[in-house]
Amino acid sequence: MNSKHTHRADLALLMIRIGIGTVFIAHALMHLQVGIGSLATLLGADLGFPLPNLFAWLTVFIELFGGIALVLGVASPVAAGLLSVISIITILTIKAKLGLIAKVGVGAELDIALLVGSLAVALQGAGWYSLDRKLGWFGAGREVYAAEDEA
């Protein structure tokens, strides 16, 4: 093993990816179970988004497939970047009114944690324990990983 590289950071990235990805997958499945109409109504009637049905489906698509991508560690920076955008929009349009810890409902605390975790993966990449590394995608740390793969 390369003495300059330890796998602790990679294990941390794996845990972040699995945790964040699982929450986004569950959130997407909840929207599908309840029905996209409720999200579309929130986006359109309550928040004034144009094309609320399109944005509702796009949100669910990004949450579901972005979450799966994070768990698997495939196209992780792209998936995490898109999930970060979803988190930022949620925080600014819905949660900012409720505060960090809401007296009624859910405040921004979970969304902020999801945003920070997603940004960490978007900036750092998926790490050693990922399909990105195996496929040679998004080469963060490629030199270190290549030396260890050869060993």
C-alpha atoms as a PDB file:
ATOM      1  CA  MET A   1       0.000   0.000   0.000  1.00  0.00           C
ATOM      2  CA  ASN A   2       1.206   3.480  -0.786  1.00  0.00           C
ATOM      3  CA  SER A   3       2.376   4.973   2.499  1.00  0.00           C
ATOM      4  CA  LYS A   4       0.957   8.385   1.553  1.00  0.00           C
ATOM      5  CA  HIS A   5      -2.558   7.029   1.179  1.00  0.00           C
ATOM      6  CA  THR A   6      -4.786   5.572   3.847  1.00  0.00           C
ATOM      7  CA  HIS A   7      -8.246   4.271   3.276  1.00  0.00           C
ATOM      8  CA  ARG A   8      -9.836   6.093   6.221  1.00  0.00           C
ATOM      9  CA  ALA A   9     -10.905   9.015   4.028  1.00  0.00           C
ATOM     10  CA  ASP A  10     -12.243   6.554   1.465  1.00  0.00           C
ATOM     11  CA  LEU A  11     -14.245   4.754   4.147  1.00  0.00           C
ATOM     12  CA  ALA A  12     -15.627   8.112   5.270  1.00  0.00           C
ATOM     13  CA  LEU A  13     -16.649   8.898   1.674  1.00  0.00           C
ATOM     14  CA  LEU A  14     -18.294   5.481   1.401  1.00  0.00           C
ATOM     15  CA  MET A  15     -20.307   6.123   4.575  1.00  0.00           C
ATOM     16  CA  ILE A  16     -21.293   9.599   3.382  1.00  0.00           C
ATOM     17  CA  ARG A  17     -22.344   8.242  -0.017  1.00  0.00           C
ATOM     18  CA  ILE A  18     -24.409   5.408   1.454  1.00  0.00           C
ATOM     19  CA  GLY A  19     -26.073   7.637   4.054  1.00  0.00           C
ATOM     20  CA  ILE A  20     -26.863  10.543   1.742  1.00  0.00           C
ATOM     21  CA  GLY A  21     -27.839   8.270  -1.143  1.00  0.00           C
ATOM     22  CA  THR A  22     -30.198   6.225   1.017  1.00  0.00           C
ATOM     23  CA  VAL A  23     -31.997   9.322   2.286  1.00  0.00           C
ATOM     24  CA  PHE A  24     -32.465  10.681  -1.244  1.00  0.00           C
ATOM     25  CA  ILE A  25     -33.723   7.290  -2.491  1.00  0.00           C
ATOM     26  CA  ALA A  26     -36.218   7.090   0.389  1.00  0.00           C
ATOM     27  CA  HIS A  27     -37.355  10.641  -0.287  1.00  0.00           C
ATOM     28  CA  ALA A  28     -37.953   9.881  -3.976  1.00  0.00           C
ATOM     29  CA  LEU A  29     -39.854   6.699  -3.142  1.00  0.00           C
ATOM     30  CA  MET A  30     -42.027   8.647  -0.689  1.00  0.00           C
ATOM     31  CA  HIS A  31     -42.916  11.111  -3.467  1.00  0.00           C
ATOM     32  CA  LEU A  32     -43.791   8.228  -5.776  1.00  0.00           C
ATOM     33  CA  GLN A  33     -45.901   6.523  -3.109  1.00  0.00           C
ATOM     34  CA  VAL A  34     -47.800   9.674  -2.133  1.00  0.00           C
ATOM     35  CA  GLY A  35     -48.072  10.762  -5.740  1.00  0.00           C
ATOM     36  CA  ILE A  36     -46.205  13.286  -7.826  1.00  0.00           C
ATOM     37  CA  GLY A  37     -49.284  15.525  -7.776  1.00  0.00           C
ATOM     38  CA  SER A  38     -48.643  16.682  -4.214  1.00  0.00           C
ATOM     39  CA  LEU A  39     -45.077  17.721  -5.073  1.00  0.00           C
ATOM     40  CA  ALA A  40     -46.277  19.398  -8.271  1.00  0.00           C
ATOM     41  CA  THR A  41     -48.901  21.326  -6.280  1.00  0.00           C
ATOM     42  CA  LEU A  42     -46.265  22.445  -3.781  1.00  0.00           C
ATOM     43  CA  LEU A  43     -43.960  23.571  -6.572  1.00  0.00           C
ATOM     44  CA  GLY A  44     -46.648  25.258  -8.679  1.00  0.00           C
ATOM     45  CA  ALA A  45     -49.423  26.625  -6.509  1.00  0.00           C
ATOM     46  CA  ASP A  46     -47.445  27.180  -3.309  1.00  0.00           C
ATOM     47  CA  LEU A  47     -44.028  28.214  -4.655  1.00  0.00           C
ATOM     48  CA  GLY A  48     -44.859  29.555  -8.116  1.00  0.00           C
ATOM     49  CA  PHE A  49     -42.512  27.322 -10.119  1.00  0.00           C
ATOM     50  CA  PRO A  50     -43.254  27.257 -13.852  1.00  0.00           C
ATOM     51  CA  LEU A  51     -44.007  23.787 -15.267  1.00  0.00           C
ATOM     52  CA  PRO A  52     -44.545  22.236 -11.833  1.00  0.00           C
ATOM     53  CA  ASN A  53     -45.261  18.731 -13.161  1.00  0.00           C
ATOM     54  CA  LEU A  54     -41.993  18.702 -15.092  1.00  0.00           C
ATOM     55  CA  PHE A  55     -40.019  19.953 -12.108  1.00  0.00           C
ATOM     56  CA  ALA A  56     -41.732  17.453  -9.789  1.00  0.00           C
ATOM     57  CA  TRP A  57     -40.763  14.537 -12.042  1.00  0.00           C
ATOM     58  CA  LEU A  58     -37.261  15.951 -12.521  1.00  0.00           C
ATOM     59  CA  THR A  59     -36.814  16.262  -8.758  1.00  0.00           C
ATOM     60  CA  VAL A  60     -37.927  12.682  -8.137  1.00  0.00           C
ATOM     61  CA  PHE A  61     -35.738  11.411 -10.992  1.00  0.00           C
ATOM     62  CA  ILE A  62     -32.652  13.194  -9.610  1.00  0.00           C
ATOM     63  CA  GLU A  63     -33.365  12.057  -6.040  1.00  0.00           C
ATOM     64  CA  LEU A  64     -33.912   8.423  -7.035  1.00  0.00           C
ATOM     65  CA  PHE A  65     -31.198   7.893  -9.623  1.00  0.00           C
ATOM     66  CA  GLY A  66     -28.778  10.326  -7.995  1.00  0.00           C
ATOM     67  CA  GLY A  67     -29.209   8.466  -4.710  1.00  0.00           C
ATOM     68  CA  ILE A  68     -28.612   5.114  -6.408  1.00  0.00           C
ATOM     69  CA  ALA A  69     -25.533   6.531  -8.143  1.00  0.00           C
ATOM     70  CA  LEU A  70     -24.141   7.730  -4.810  1.00  0.00           C
ATOM     71  CA  VAL A  71     -24.674   4.377  -3.115  1.00  0.00           C
ATOM     72  CA  LEU A  72     -22.935   2.571  -5.981  1.00  0.00           C
ATOM     73  CA  GLY A  73     -20.285   5.228  -6.389  1.00  0.00           C
ATOM     74  CA  VAL A  74     -20.930   5.712 -10.095  1.00  0.00           C
ATOM     75  CA  ALA A  75     -20.841   9.182 -11.686  1.00  0.00           C
ATOM     76  CA  SER A  76     -20.682  10.376  -8.095  1.00  0.00           C
ATOM     77  CA  PRO A  77     -19.539  13.989  -8.579  1.00  0.00           C
ATOM     78  CA  VAL A  78     -22.291  14.601 -11.148  1.00  0.00           C
ATOM     79  CA  ALA A  79     -24.973  12.891  -9.051  1.00  0.00           C
ATOM     80  CA  ALA A  80     -23.843  14.689  -5.900  1.00  0.00           C
ATOM     81  CA  GLY A  81     -23.780  18.026  -7.730  1.00  0.00           C
ATOM     82  CA  LEU A  82     -27.354  17.558  -8.944  1.00  0.00           C
ATOM     83  CA  LEU A  83     -28.492  16.475  -5.480  1.00  0.00           C
ATOM     84  CA  SER A  84     -26.792  19.576  -4.054  1.00  0.00           C
ATOM     85  CA  VAL A  85     -28.887  21.737  -6.381  1.00  0.00           C
ATOM     86  CA  ILE A  86     -32.069  19.997  -5.162  1.00  0.00           C
ATOM     87  CA  SER A  87     -30.994  20.619  -1.545  1.00  0.00           C
ATOM     88  CA  ILE A  88     -30.196  24.293  -2.164  1.00  0.00           C
ATOM     89  CA  ILE A  89     -33.553  24.894  -3.862  1.00  0.00           C
ATOM     90  CA  THR A  90     -35.373  23.115  -1.017  1.00  0.00           C
ATOM     91  CA  ILE A  91     -33.546  25.135   1.637  1.00  0.00           C
ATOM     92  CA  LEU A  92     -34.104  28.480  -0.098  1.00  0.00           C
ATOM     93  CA  THR A  93     -37.729  27.995  -1.160  1.00  0.00           C
ATOM     94  CA  ILE A  94     -39.243  25.932   1.635  1.00  0.00           C
ATOM     95  CA  LYS A  95     -37.034  25.523   4.675  1.00  0.00           C
ATOM     96  CA  ALA A  96     -35.715  29.080   5.045  1.00  0.00           C
ATOM     97  CA  LYS A  97     -39.180  30.158   6.245  1.00  0.00           C
ATOM     98  CA  LEU A  98     -39.238  27.408   8.873  1.00  0.00           C
ATOM     99  CA  GLY A  99     -35.765  27.988  10.295  1.00  0.00           C
ATOM    100  CA  LEU A 100     -33.051  25.537  11.239  1.00  0.00           C
ATOM    101  CA  ILE A 101     -35.210  23.687  13.772  1.00  0.00           C
ATOM    102  CA  ALA A 102     -38.911  24.223  13.111  1.00  0.00           C
ATOM    103  CA  LYS A 103     -41.474  24.404  15.901  1.00  0.00           C
ATOM    104  CA  VAL A 104     -43.970  22.740  13.559  1.00  0.00           C
ATOM    105  CA  GLY A 105     -42.914  20.478  10.712  1.00  0.00           C
ATOM    106  CA  VAL A 106     -39.336  19.835   9.714  1.00  0.00           C
ATOM    107  CA  GLY A 107     -36.753  22.602   9.644  1.00  0.00           C
ATOM    108  CA  ALA A 108     -33.720  22.916   7.414  1.00  0.00           C
ATOM    109  CA  GLU A 109     -31.396  20.739   9.511  1.00  0.00           C
ATOM    110  CA  LEU A 110     -31.722  17.569   7.417  1.00  0.00           C
ATOM    111  CA  ASP A 111     -31.515  19.479   4.134  1.00  0.00           C
ATOM    112  CA  ILE A 112     -28.361  21.269   5.278  1.00  0.00           C
ATOM    113  CA  ALA A 113     -26.779  17.940   6.264  1.00  0.00           C
ATOM    114  CA  LEU A 114     -27.741  16.462   2.873  1.00  0.00           C
ATOM    115  CA  LEU A 115     -26.293  19.504   1.119  1.00  0.00           C
ATOM    116  CA  VAL A 116     -22.987  19.341   2.993  1.00  0.00           C
ATOM    117  CA  GLY A 117     -22.623  15.599   2.384  1.00  0.00           C
ATOM    118  CA  SER A 118     -23.494  15.973  -1.294  1.00  0.00           C
ATOM    119  CA  LEU A 119     -21.029  18.823  -1.718  1.00  0.00           C
ATOM    120  CA  ALA A 120     -18.293  16.753  -0.059  1.00  0.00           C
ATOM    121  CA  VAL A 121     -18.768  13.972  -2.619  1.00  0.00           C
ATOM    122  CA  ALA A 122     -19.139  16.441  -5.506  1.00  0.00           C
ATOM    123  CA  LEU A 123     -15.824  18.056  -4.580  1.00  0.00           C
ATOM    124  CA  GLN A 124     -13.828  15.007  -3.486  1.00  0.00           C
ATOM    125  CA  GLY A 125     -15.238  12.257  -5.686  1.00  0.00           C
ATOM    126  CA  ALA A 126     -16.435   8.814  -4.659  1.00  0.00           C
ATOM    127  CA  GLY A 127     -13.176   7.475  -3.263  1.00  0.00           C
ATOM    128  CA  TRP A 128     -11.559   4.051  -3.404  1.00  0.00           C
ATOM    129  CA  TYR A 129     -14.691   2.007  -2.695  1.00  0.00           C
ATOM    130  CA  SER A 130     -16.616   3.000  -5.798  1.00  0.00           C
ATOM    131  CA  LEU A 131     -17.445   2.029  -9.337  1.00  0.00           C
ATOM    132  CA  ASP A 132     -16.011   5.382 -10.409  1.00  0.00           C
ATOM    133  CA  ARG A 133     -12.552   4.173  -9.355  1.00  0.00           C
ATOM    134  CA  LYS A 134     -12.967   0.774 -10.981  1.00  0.00           C
ATOM    135  CA  LEU A 135     -14.173   2.353 -14.224  1.00  0.00           C
ATOM    136  CA  GLY A 136     -11.530   5.072 -14.144  1.00  0.00           C
ATOM    137  CA  TRP A 137     -14.147   7.846 -14.083  1.00  0.00           C
ATOM    138  CA  PHE A 138     -13.734  11.237 -12.408  1.00  0.00           C
ATOM    139  CA  GLY A 139     -10.059  10.633 -11.660  1.00  0.00           C
ATOM    140  CA  ALA A 140      -9.673  12.257  -8.240  1.00  0.00           C
ATOM    141  CA  GLY A 141      -6.650  10.520  -6.714  1.00  0.00           C
ATOM    142  CA  ARG A 142      -6.185   8.366  -9.808  1.00  0.00           C
ATOM    143  CA  GLU A 143      -2.382   8.333  -9.383  1.00  0.00           C
ATOM    144  CA  VAL A 144      -2.625   6.996  -5.841  1.00  0.00           C
ATOM    145  CA  TYR A 145      -5.270   4.432  -6.749  1.00  0.00           C
ATOM    146  CA  ALA A 146      -3.407   3.270  -9.870  1.00  0.00           C
ATOM    147  CA  ALA A 147      -0.250   2.615  -7.850  1.00  0.00           C
ATOM    148  CA  GLU A 148      -2.227   0.574  -5.325  1.00  0.00           C
ATOM    149  CA  ASP A 149      -4.119  -1.351  -8.020  1.00  0.00           C
ATOM    150  CA  GLU A 150      -0.796  -2.423  -9.533  1.00  0.00           C
ATOM    151  CA  ALA A 151       0.561  -3.606  -6.185  1.00  0.00           C
END
